[in-house]
Amino acid sequence: MSYEPRVAAALSGATLRQLSYWRVTRVLQPEISASRPVLYSFRDLIALRTFAYLRGERSLQSIRRAVRTLADIGETEHLSSYRLVAQGKKSIALVRDEGAVDLVEKPGQSLTVVKLGDVLQSFPLGDVEVPNLLHPRQKISVDPEVRGGHPVVEGTRVPFEIIAGLVRDGVEPEEVADFYPSVSAEAARDAVDFADYVDRSVGRQAA
């Protein structure tokens, strides 16, 4: 499963410029391909959404320090396997079953109380609402087992952009079923709405 940068940006809440900067500074290198064509994995999306979620409350410098601290304390798994949350006024914590560890202000210090934000759910980021990762629209779904996680019309294997393309070419949402019987008019509208969101995310500036 792979995601080109424009779709990775739309699903993660990061901007294309942030993705590029994070690649250059090695904060997060795409798991599949870091050179052209740049391709992100589903695990990368989880990590990117975590970064975008944290960027609403923490500086990039704090996030970079947290990533460095993870490496310093021997945590070398893919970043998507860690639960990182904003802690206190400035810090970021690594949440574990047995508690949490400060990664920024007092690296390595144990913490006892942490509120976990679920980065799979939708969340506000600047002037946009980053969509739910698994259902970026009500009738659009992202399932790693279906087309490698590419956004499709829910209950089908039809990519959202194919349906959005039909409607943009003049096919009425109610007529899409003539081409794709399993795609309802409501699903067609959601496909166009999500495609519009992806297009807008390409030009979005960092929050």
Protein backbone atom coordinates (compact mmCIF):
# COMPACT_ATOMS: atom_id res chain seq x y z
CA MET A 1 0.00 0.00 0.00
CA SER A 2 1.39 3.41 -0.90
CA TYR A 3 0.32 7.05 -0.93
CA GLU A 4 1.65 9.81 -3.12
CA PRO A 5 2.48 13.04 -1.23
CA ARG A 6 -0.74 14.91 -2.14
CA VAL A 7 -2.94 12.11 -0.76
CA ALA A 8 -0.61 11.58 2.23
CA ALA A 9 -0.90 15.30 2.99
CA ALA A 10 -4.69 15.27 2.68
CA LEU A 11 -5.10 12.25 4.96
CA SER A 12 -2.51 13.30 7.54
CA GLY A 13 -3.15 17.02 7.93
CA ALA A 14 0.44 17.88 7.01
CA THR A 15 1.18 20.23 4.13
CA LEU A 16 3.25 19.25 1.11
CA ARG A 17 5.94 21.66 2.29
CA GLN A 18 6.00 20.00 5.72
CA LEU A 19 6.29 16.55 4.14
CA SER A 20 9.22 17.77 2.06
CA TYR A 21 10.91 19.42 5.04
CA TRP A 22 10.44 16.36 7.24
CA ARG A 23 12.02 14.21 4.49
CA VAL A 24 15.01 16.56 4.13
CA THR A 25 15.58 16.83 7.88
CA ARG A 26 14.96 13.09 8.28
CA VAL A 27 12.25 13.61 10.90
CA LEU A 28 10.23 11.13 8.88
CA GLN A 29 11.50 9.37 5.78
CA PRO A 30 8.81 7.65 3.66
CA GLU A 31 8.96 3.94 4.30
CA ILE A 32 8.35 2.93 0.69
CA SER A 33 10.29 5.51 -1.32
CA ALA A 34 12.00 8.74 -0.24
CA SER A 35 13.01 9.65 -3.80
CA ARG A 36 10.88 10.13 -6.89
CA PRO A 37 8.31 8.86 -6.93
CA VAL A 38 7.95 9.64 -3.22
CA LEU A 39 5.60 7.10 -1.65
CA TYR A 40 4.35 6.87 1.93
CA SER A 41 3.08 3.75 3.69
CA PHE A 42 -0.03 3.42 5.87
CA ARG A 43 2.29 3.33 8.89
CA ASP A 44 3.81 6.60 7.68
CA LEU A 45 0.30 8.11 7.61
CA ILE A 46 -0.21 7.22 11.28
CA ALA A 47 3.12 8.86 12.19
CA LEU A 48 2.36 11.93 10.04
CA ARG A 49 -1.07 12.33 11.64
CA THR A 50 0.59 12.14 15.05
CA PHE A 51 2.99 14.91 14.06
CA ALA A 52 0.18 17.04 12.61
CA TYR A 53 -1.92 16.46 15.74
CA LEU A 54 0.98 17.47 17.99
CA ARG A 55 1.80 20.50 15.80
CA GLY A 56 -1.47 22.02 16.98
CA GLU A 57 0.10 22.35 20.44
CA ARG A 58 3.85 21.88 20.06
CA SER A 59 6.67 23.35 17.98
CA LEU A 60 8.46 21.40 15.28
CA GLN A 61 11.61 21.74 17.40
CA SER A 62 9.86 19.88 20.23
CA ILE A 63 8.71 17.14 17.86
CA ARG A 64 12.23 16.75 16.44
CA ARG A 65 13.66 16.56 19.96
CA ALA A 66 11.09 13.92 20.89
CA VAL A 67 12.06 11.84 17.83
CA ARG A 68 15.76 12.14 18.75
CA THR A 69 15.03 11.13 22.34
CA LEU A 70 13.19 8.04 21.13
CA ALA A 71 16.35 6.96 19.31
CA ASP A 72 18.53 7.88 22.31
CA ILE A 73 16.53 5.62 24.64
CA GLY A 74 16.72 2.74 22.19
CA GLU A 75 13.28 3.00 20.59
CA THR A 76 14.00 2.25 16.93
CA GLU A 77 10.68 0.88 15.66
CA HIS A 78 8.66 2.71 13.02
CA LEU A 79 7.27 5.94 14.49
CA SER A 80 3.71 4.71 13.93
CA SER A 81 4.21 2.08 16.63
CA TYR A 82 4.59 4.73 19.36
CA ARG A 83 1.84 6.64 21.12
CA LEU A 84 3.05 10.23 21.42
CA VAL A 85 0.96 12.87 23.17
CA ALA A 86 1.30 16.48 24.27
CA GLN A 87 2.17 16.56 27.96
CA GLY A 88 2.13 19.53 30.32
CA LYS A 89 2.83 22.97 28.85
CA LYS A 90 5.65 22.17 26.44
CA SER A 91 6.58 18.52 26.47
CA ILE A 92 5.73 15.42 24.45
CA ALA A 93 5.40 12.03 26.11
CA LEU A 94 5.75 8.45 24.96
CA VAL A 95 2.77 6.50 26.32
CA ARG A 96 3.29 2.89 27.30
CA ASP A 97 1.07 0.33 29.02
CA GLU A 98 2.94 0.88 32.27
CA GLY A 99 2.90 4.68 32.10
CA ALA A 100 4.53 7.45 30.12
CA VAL A 101 8.01 8.87 29.54
CA ASP A 102 8.86 12.52 28.94
CA LEU A 103 10.69 13.00 25.63
CA VAL A 104 11.34 16.76 25.61
CA GLU A 105 11.54 18.71 28.88
CA LYS A 106 13.04 15.99 31.09
CA PRO A 107 13.91 13.16 28.68
CA GLY A 108 13.49 9.75 30.23
CA GLN A 109 11.55 10.90 33.30
CA SER A 110 8.49 8.82 34.10
CA LEU A 111 5.10 10.49 33.99
CA THR A 112 1.93 9.22 35.57
CA VAL A 113 -1.01 11.12 34.08
CA VAL A 114 -1.43 11.49 30.34
CA LYS A 115 -4.44 12.28 28.18
CA LEU A 116 -4.25 10.34 24.93
CA GLY A 117 -5.58 12.00 21.77
CA ASP A 118 -6.75 9.52 19.18
CA VAL A 119 -5.04 10.58 15.96
CA LEU A 120 -7.23 8.28 13.90
CA GLN A 121 -10.25 10.48 14.62
CA SER A 122 -10.79 13.83 12.93
CA PHE A 123 -9.15 16.83 14.59
CA PRO A 124 -8.90 20.58 13.91
CA LEU A 125 -5.62 21.95 12.58
CA GLY A 126 -5.49 25.65 11.87
CA ASP A 127 -8.31 26.49 9.48
CA VAL A 128 -9.04 22.91 8.40
CA GLU A 129 -10.55 19.79 9.92
CA VAL A 130 -8.24 16.83 9.31
CA PRO A 131 -10.61 13.99 8.41
CA ASN A 132 -11.02 10.68 10.17
CA LEU A 133 -8.30 8.50 8.66
CA LEU A 134 -10.41 5.39 8.06
CA HIS A 135 -13.50 7.33 6.91
CA PRO A 136 -12.35 10.67 5.48
CA ARG A 137 -15.95 11.11 4.30
CA GLN A 138 -19.05 9.16 5.33
CA LYS A 139 -19.10 7.12 2.10
CA ILE A 140 -15.33 7.09 1.51
CA SER A 141 -13.16 4.58 3.35
CA VAL A 142 -9.48 3.80 3.85
CA ASP A 143 -8.79 0.13 4.54
CA PRO A 144 -5.24 -1.27 4.34
CA GLU A 145 -6.78 -4.51 3.03
CA VAL A 146 -8.59 -2.81 0.12
CA ARG A 147 -6.46 -1.45 -2.72
CA GLY A 148 -3.56 -1.09 -0.33
CA GLY A 149 -5.38 1.54 1.71
CA HIS A 150 -6.11 3.93 -1.15
CA PRO A 151 -9.34 5.88 -0.43
CA VAL A 152 -12.28 4.16 -2.12
CA VAL A 153 -16.06 4.37 -2.15
CA GLU A 154 -17.18 2.50 0.96
CA GLY A 155 -18.10 -1.12 0.31
CA THR A 156 -16.37 -1.14 -3.09
CA ARG A 157 -12.90 -1.18 -4.60
CA VAL A 158 -13.60 1.94 -6.69
CA PRO A 159 -11.03 4.74 -6.06
CA PHE A 160 -12.61 8.03 -5.02
CA GLU A 161 -10.93 10.02 -7.80
CA ILE A 162 -12.53 7.91 -10.55
CA ILE A 163 -16.00 8.77 -9.27
CA ALA A 164 -15.04 12.40 -8.64
CA GLY A 165 -13.71 12.57 -12.20
CA LEU A 166 -17.01 11.36 -13.63
CA VAL A 167 -19.01 13.98 -11.74
CA ARG A 168 -16.54 16.73 -12.61
CA ASP A 169 -16.90 15.70 -16.26
CA GLY A 170 -20.63 16.34 -16.10
CA VAL A 171 -22.16 13.05 -14.97
CA GLU A 172 -24.84 13.73 -12.36
CA PRO A 173 -24.29 11.96 -9.01
CA GLU A 174 -27.57 10.09 -9.54
CA GLU A 175 -26.28 8.80 -12.89
CA VAL A 176 -22.95 7.45 -11.61
CA ALA A 177 -24.67 4.15 -10.84
CA ASP A 178 -25.10 3.69 -14.62
CA PHE A 179 -21.32 3.28 -14.75
CA TYR A 180 -20.71 1.86 -11.27
CA PRO A 181 -23.89 0.17 -9.94
CA SER A 182 -22.53 -0.10 -6.40
CA VAL A 183 -21.92 3.65 -6.11
CA SER A 184 -24.84 5.69 -4.78
CA ALA A 185 -25.46 9.36 -5.51
CA GLU A 186 -24.54 10.16 -1.91
CA ALA A 187 -21.24 8.28 -2.28
CA ALA A 188 -20.56 10.14 -5.54
CA ARG A 189 -21.05 13.49 -3.78
CA ASP A 190 -18.73 12.39 -0.98
CA ALA A 191 -16.11 11.38 -3.56
CA VAL A 192 -16.23 14.85 -5.12
CA ASP A 193 -16.14 16.52 -1.71
CA PHE A 194 -13.09 14.50 -0.67
CA ALA A 195 -11.38 15.14 -4.03
CA ASP A 196 -11.96 18.88 -3.51
CA TYR A 197 -10.43 18.57 -0.04
CA VAL A 198 -7.37 16.77 -1.47
CA ASP A 199 -6.96 19.50 -4.10
CA ARG A 200 -7.23 22.26 -1.47
CA SER A 201 -4.68 20.53 0.74
CA VAL A 202 -2.06 20.78 -2.01
CA GLY A 203 -1.90 24.56 -1.65
CA ARG A 204 -2.44 24.74 2.10
CA GLN A 205 0.17 26.47 4.22
CA ALA A 206 1.47 25.10 7.51
CA ALA A 207 -0.63 25.88 10.56
